[in-house]
Amino acid sequence: MSKLHVIPSHYAPLQAQQYLLRPFLSPKKKNQPCHIKGWQAVAQAVMGYRHSVTEQPCQDAASAQTRLRPIVVNCDGAGSAKLSHLGSTALSQQLQRLFMTLEPLFEQWLDTKEIDTKGVSERLANIIARHSKGSIKDIATHWQQPETAFRSTLLVAIIGKYYHFWLQIGDGYLLRRCEHNETHAWQVMVMPEKGEFANHTCFVDPALTMAHVHYGMASAEGISGLAAMSDGAAERLMNLQHHTSAPLVERFALYLSEQSLQRTLFEFLSDPSVWEKTSGDDKSISMVVAPKTTVNEQ
């Protein structure tokens, strides 16, 4: 007797749209289920001392999950936008829900060897960008305020069996932990702008176009961690001159592979002795790390 495969009801609408995937998939090989087990996640956002003086709420929002696959999301609300703390929180929460809904597509796009990576990454970037703009529009409608009052940056990284995807809108740093790179274990995925948009921060708002969205897809082989941090956290966690990670990032990764890091990370981001000579901006970091024994078994 054959075993019946029951599709969860909230995934059914997406399953009906599987024909959309055909241009990107190999017709010869059947996709195998993805098994990304044992990854650990941590995410924290802490108000900077500058905001405590001006009585502004924390405008950063960070989330990380490993329930279906490792994903990090980091959002930094625009300092000049009075309700950006609501915008960044809404983006972080709603994107994590979107990614759970898109899981059947991730299985096809990130867990299959032979795909059109350029076409897939472009389509996925468009989905995320459009959904993000819609989320900001929805919350603006709810509060009856202009959309620019909620604008926020956005960092996303998603790991799959064969590929990992990343997307960046605005400031902040996206990092990947590469086991095969002995010089710098953590690599920056998107380098800061040097051309037309240099020193110009983009946000998820009505003016956003795909020209401002940085995204890409590459092999997941040897990738054992993903991290996303706001520019406030980068003041201590990055070498801003050379755009390389500070040793603290790897220390957090090692802690995370052994025990819960939530409290340790909160205490670090809240420590006045660490942040007193910085800009006083909000700090946030999202991180997922693979256990050492499964790095090459994705």
Protein backbone atom coordinates (compact mmCIF):
# COMPACT_ATOMS: atom_id res chain seq x y z
CA MET A 1 0.00 0.00 0.00
CA SER A 2 1.50 3.33 -0.99
CA LYS A 3 2.08 5.93 1.66
CA LEU A 4 -0.12 9.01 1.35
CA HIS A 5 1.75 12.33 1.47
CA VAL A 6 -0.46 14.95 3.10
CA ILE A 7 0.30 18.58 2.20
CA PRO A 8 -0.35 21.08 5.02
CA SER A 9 -3.39 23.20 4.12
CA HIS A 10 -1.48 26.50 4.32
CA TYR A 11 0.98 25.21 1.68
CA ALA A 12 -1.67 23.95 -0.75
CA PRO A 13 -2.06 27.22 -2.74
CA LEU A 14 1.67 27.27 -3.43
CA GLN A 15 1.70 23.63 -4.49
CA ALA A 16 -0.91 24.50 -7.10
CA GLN A 17 1.52 27.01 -8.57
CA GLN A 18 4.42 24.60 -9.08
CA TYR A 19 4.25 25.11 -12.84
CA LEU A 20 5.94 28.47 -12.23
CA LEU A 21 9.11 26.61 -11.26
CA ARG A 22 9.54 24.63 -14.48
CA PRO A 23 11.79 27.14 -16.31
CA PHE A 24 14.32 26.90 -13.45
CA LEU A 25 14.40 23.17 -12.76
CA SER A 26 16.16 20.23 -14.34
CA PRO A 27 13.60 17.93 -16.01
CA LYS A 28 15.82 14.88 -15.53
CA LYS A 29 16.33 14.76 -11.78
CA LYS A 30 13.79 14.53 -9.04
CA ASN A 31 14.39 16.81 -6.07
CA GLN A 32 15.32 15.14 -2.80
CA PRO A 33 14.08 16.36 0.60
CA CYS A 34 16.35 18.79 2.41
CA HIS A 35 17.71 17.82 5.81
CA ILE A 36 19.40 20.77 7.52
CA LYS A 37 19.51 19.65 11.12
CA GLY A 38 21.16 20.83 14.29
CA TRP A 39 21.63 24.50 13.41
CA GLN A 40 21.34 26.97 16.27
CA ALA A 41 19.87 30.48 16.06
CA VAL A 42 20.11 33.69 18.06
CA ALA A 43 18.79 37.21 17.49
CA GLN A 44 18.91 40.33 19.64
CA ALA A 45 18.15 44.03 19.20
CA VAL A 46 19.15 46.52 21.91
CA MET A 47 18.47 50.24 22.15
CA GLY A 48 21.53 52.47 21.81
CA TYR A 49 22.31 55.02 24.52
CA ARG A 50 21.66 57.89 22.10
CA HIS A 51 18.04 56.81 21.85
CA SER A 52 17.74 56.56 25.63
CA VAL A 53 18.71 60.24 25.80
CA THR A 54 16.29 61.32 23.06
CA GLU A 55 13.60 58.94 24.40
CA GLN A 56 13.30 57.12 21.09
CA PRO A 57 12.40 53.42 21.01
CA CYS A 58 14.79 50.86 19.58
CA GLN A 59 14.43 51.04 15.81
CA ASP A 60 16.25 47.76 15.11
CA ALA A 61 14.52 44.40 14.76
CA ALA A 62 16.28 41.04 14.44
CA SER A 63 15.02 37.49 13.95
CA ALA A 64 16.53 34.11 13.19
CA GLN A 65 14.97 30.70 12.70
CA THR A 66 15.97 27.09 12.08
CA ARG A 67 12.52 25.47 12.21
CA LEU A 68 12.32 24.68 8.49
CA ARG A 69 15.75 25.93 7.38
CA PRO A 70 18.28 28.46 8.75
CA ILE A 71 17.21 32.04 7.99
CA VAL A 72 18.35 35.40 9.36
CA VAL A 73 16.50 38.72 9.02
CA ASN A 74 17.69 42.10 10.26
CA CYS A 75 15.88 45.45 9.91
CA ASP A 76 17.09 48.91 10.95
CA GLY A 77 14.42 51.60 11.00
CA ALA A 78 15.36 54.99 9.58
CA GLY A 79 16.39 57.37 12.34
CA SER A 80 14.47 60.24 10.76
CA ALA A 81 11.24 58.22 10.51
CA LYS A 82 9.16 58.64 13.66
CA LEU A 83 7.46 55.22 13.45
CA SER A 84 10.26 53.21 11.89
CA HIS A 85 10.45 50.98 14.97
CA LEU A 86 7.02 49.69 13.99
CA GLY A 87 8.10 49.29 10.37
CA SER A 88 11.25 47.33 11.19
CA THR A 89 9.38 45.04 13.59
CA ALA A 90 6.61 44.40 11.07
CA LEU A 91 9.13 43.61 8.32
CA SER A 92 11.06 41.17 10.51
CA GLN A 93 7.95 39.33 11.67
CA GLN A 94 6.08 39.22 8.38
CA LEU A 95 9.08 38.08 6.35
CA GLN A 96 9.67 35.15 8.67
CA ARG A 97 6.03 34.15 8.15
CA LEU A 98 6.40 34.61 4.39
CA PHE A 99 9.43 32.33 4.36
CA MET A 100 7.51 29.60 6.17
CA THR A 101 4.80 29.85 3.51
CA LEU A 102 7.39 29.78 0.71
CA GLU A 103 9.08 26.66 2.05
CA PRO A 104 7.82 24.42 -0.80
CA LEU A 105 9.46 26.83 -3.24
CA PHE A 106 12.68 26.95 -1.23
CA GLU A 107 12.83 23.18 -1.49
CA GLN A 108 12.78 23.54 -5.27
CA TRP A 109 15.02 26.60 -5.51
CA LEU A 110 17.68 26.01 -2.84
CA ASP A 111 17.70 22.24 -2.41
CA THR A 112 18.04 21.25 -6.08
CA LYS A 113 21.41 21.05 -7.83
CA GLU A 114 20.54 21.89 -11.40
CA ILE A 115 18.64 25.18 -11.50
CA ASP A 116 18.93 28.53 -13.22
CA THR A 117 20.47 30.41 -10.28
CA LYS A 118 20.24 33.78 -12.02
CA GLY A 119 16.56 33.37 -12.78
CA VAL A 120 15.73 31.95 -9.35
CA SER A 121 17.60 34.64 -7.43
CA GLU A 122 15.95 37.38 -9.49
CA ARG A 123 12.49 35.95 -8.91
CA LEU A 124 13.07 35.43 -5.18
CA ALA A 125 14.46 38.97 -4.78
CA ASN A 126 11.39 40.39 -6.51
CA ILE A 127 9.06 38.40 -4.26
CA ILE A 128 10.80 39.60 -1.09
CA ALA A 129 11.07 43.23 -2.23
CA ARG A 130 7.42 43.41 -3.31
CA HIS A 131 6.21 41.72 -0.14
CA SER A 132 8.32 44.08 1.99
CA LYS A 133 6.91 47.17 0.29
CA GLY A 134 3.44 45.75 0.78
CA SER A 135 4.09 45.17 4.48
CA ILE A 136 5.15 48.80 4.94
CA LYS A 137 2.09 49.97 3.01
CA ASP A 138 -0.20 47.83 5.17
CA ILE A 139 1.14 49.12 8.46
CA ALA A 140 0.99 52.70 7.19
CA THR A 141 -2.66 52.18 6.24
CA HIS A 142 -3.37 50.72 9.66
CA TRP A 143 -1.86 53.71 11.49
CA GLN A 144 -3.10 56.23 8.91
CA GLN A 145 0.39 57.64 8.49
CA PRO A 146 2.62 58.14 5.41
CA GLU A 147 4.63 55.08 4.39
CA THR A 148 7.91 56.99 4.78
CA ALA A 149 7.25 57.17 8.54
CA PHE A 150 7.84 53.38 8.74
CA ARG A 151 10.77 52.90 6.37
CA SER A 152 13.51 50.46 7.26
CA THR A 153 16.57 48.73 5.86
CA LEU A 154 16.43 44.99 5.23
CA LEU A 155 18.97 42.15 5.40
CA VAL A 156 18.03 38.55 4.57
CA ALA A 157 20.06 35.33 4.22
CA ILE A 158 18.67 31.82 3.67
CA ILE A 159 20.54 28.51 3.55
CA GLY A 160 19.58 25.48 1.48
CA LYS A 161 21.00 22.05 0.76
CA TYR A 162 22.86 23.19 -2.35
CA TYR A 163 22.54 27.00 -2.45
CA HIS A 164 22.27 29.98 -0.17
CA PHE A 165 20.50 33.23 -1.03
CA TRP A 166 21.00 36.74 0.30
CA LEU A 167 19.32 40.11 -0.13
CA GLN A 168 20.25 43.55 1.17
CA ILE A 169 18.46 46.90 1.05
CA GLY A 170 20.35 49.75 2.71
CA ASP A 171 23.01 49.73 5.42
CA GLY A 172 24.23 46.88 7.60
CA TYR A 173 26.32 43.79 7.00
CA LEU A 174 25.50 40.30 5.77
CA LEU A 175 28.11 37.66 6.59
CA ARG A 176 28.60 34.01 5.75
CA ARG A 177 30.90 31.64 7.61
CA CYS A 178 33.06 29.76 5.11
CA GLU A 179 34.86 26.67 6.37
CA HIS A 180 37.19 26.57 3.34
CA ASN A 181 38.44 30.14 3.89
CA GLU A 182 41.33 30.10 6.37
CA THR A 183 42.12 33.84 6.18
CA HIS A 184 38.72 35.19 7.20
CA ALA A 185 36.16 32.60 8.29
CA TRP A 186 33.37 35.18 8.00
CA GLN A 187 32.97 36.89 4.63
CA VAL A 188 30.95 39.99 3.77
CA MET A 189 28.34 39.11 1.12
CA VAL A 190 27.56 42.66 -0.07
CA MET A 191 30.34 45.24 -0.10
CA PRO A 192 29.45 48.90 0.62
CA GLU A 193 28.47 51.06 -2.34
CA LYS A 194 31.26 52.88 -4.19
CA GLY A 195 29.37 54.27 -7.17
CA GLU A 196 26.21 56.26 -7.73
CA PHE A 197 24.60 55.20 -4.45
CA ALA A 198 27.70 55.58 -2.23
CA ASN A 199 26.90 57.15 1.15
CA HIS A 200 23.20 56.95 0.30
CA THR A 201 21.12 54.66 2.48
CA CYS A 202 18.19 52.96 0.79
CA PHE A 203 15.07 51.85 2.62
CA VAL A 204 12.00 49.74 2.09
CA ASP A 205 9.58 52.53 1.20
CA PRO A 206 7.53 53.68 -1.81
CA ALA A 207 10.67 54.90 -3.61
CA LEU A 208 12.37 51.49 -3.54
CA THR A 209 13.18 49.95 -6.93
CA MET A 210 15.05 46.78 -7.82
CA ALA A 211 18.04 48.95 -8.75
CA HIS A 212 18.55 49.49 -4.99
CA VAL A 213 18.22 45.81 -4.08
CA HIS A 214 21.42 43.75 -3.78
CA TYR A 215 20.90 40.01 -3.97
CA GLY A 216 22.59 36.82 -5.04
CA MET A 217 22.77 33.05 -4.85
CA ALA A 218 25.82 30.83 -4.50
CA SER A 219 26.79 27.32 -3.49
CA ALA A 220 26.05 26.31 0.10
CA GLU A 221 29.02 23.95 0.22
CA GLY A 222 31.21 24.76 3.22
CA ILE A 223 28.80 27.40 4.58
CA SER A 224 28.44 26.83 8.32
CA GLY A 225 26.92 30.11 9.45
CA LEU A 226 24.99 33.21 8.45
CA ALA A 227 24.86 36.55 10.24
CA ALA A 228 23.13 39.88 9.69
CA MET A 229 23.86 43.00 11.73
CA SER A 230 22.83 46.63 11.75
CA ASP A 231 25.40 49.35 11.23
CA GLY A 232 25.20 50.14 14.95
CA ALA A 233 26.38 46.64 15.88
CA ALA A 234 29.00 46.76 13.12
CA GLU A 235 30.84 49.53 14.98
CA ARG A 236 32.27 46.85 17.29
CA LEU A 237 31.70 43.64 15.34
CA MET A 238 33.30 44.70 12.06
CA ASN A 239 36.57 46.24 10.90
CA LEU A 240 34.89 49.05 8.99
CA GLN A 241 38.06 50.08 7.19
CA HIS A 242 38.71 46.67 5.63
CA HIS A 243 35.11 45.34 5.83
CA THR A 244 36.12 42.20 7.68
CA SER A 245 34.55 40.71 10.80
CA ALA A 246 36.03 41.22 14.25
CA PRO A 247 37.06 38.13 16.30
CA LEU A 248 33.95 38.59 18.45
CA VAL A 249 31.73 37.33 15.62
CA GLU A 250 33.50 33.98 15.53
CA ARG A 251 33.48 33.82 19.34
CA PHE A 252 29.69 34.19 19.31
CA ALA A 253 29.47 31.47 16.66
CA LEU A 254 31.49 29.08 18.82
CA TYR A 255 29.34 29.83 21.86
CA LEU A 256 26.20 29.29 19.81
CA SER A 257 27.29 25.83 18.67
CA GLU A 258 27.65 24.78 22.32
CA GLN A 259 24.94 26.59 24.30
CA SER A 260 22.24 29.23 24.23
CA LEU A 261 23.71 32.62 23.43
CA GLN A 262 20.63 34.79 23.89
CA ARG A 263 21.54 36.23 27.28
CA THR A 264 25.25 36.54 26.49
CA LEU A 265 24.52 38.47 23.31
CA PHE A 266 22.06 40.75 25.08
CA GLU A 267 24.60 41.54 27.80
CA PHE A 268 27.26 42.32 25.21
CA LEU A 269 25.00 44.63 23.21
CA SER A 270 23.97 46.37 26.45
CA ASP A 271 27.45 46.77 27.99
CA PRO A 272 28.26 50.51 28.37
CA SER A 273 31.99 49.84 28.50
CA VAL A 274 31.83 48.33 25.02
CA TRP A 275 29.63 50.95 23.35
CA GLU A 276 30.41 54.23 25.18
CA LYS A 277 32.77 55.49 22.45
CA THR A 278 30.51 54.56 19.55
CA SER A 279 27.79 56.61 17.85
CA GLY A 280 25.20 55.37 20.36
CA ASP A 281 23.02 53.85 17.65
CA ASP A 282 20.79 50.84 18.22
CA LYS A 283 22.55 47.47 17.86
CA SER A 284 21.16 44.22 16.50
CA ILE A 285 22.48 40.92 15.21
CA SER A 286 20.87 37.75 13.85
CA MET A 287 22.94 34.57 13.55
CA VAL A 288 22.53 30.91 12.65
CA VAL A 289 25.37 28.41 13.02
CA ALA A 290 25.72 24.76 12.01
CA PRO A 291 27.16 22.13 14.33
CA LYS A 292 30.69 21.24 13.25
CA THR A 293 29.81 17.62 12.61
CA THR A 294 27.19 18.52 9.98
CA VAL A 295 28.87 21.33 8.05
CA ASN A 296 29.59 19.09 5.07
CA GLU A 297 26.48 16.94 5.43
CA GLN A 298 23.90 19.40 4.17
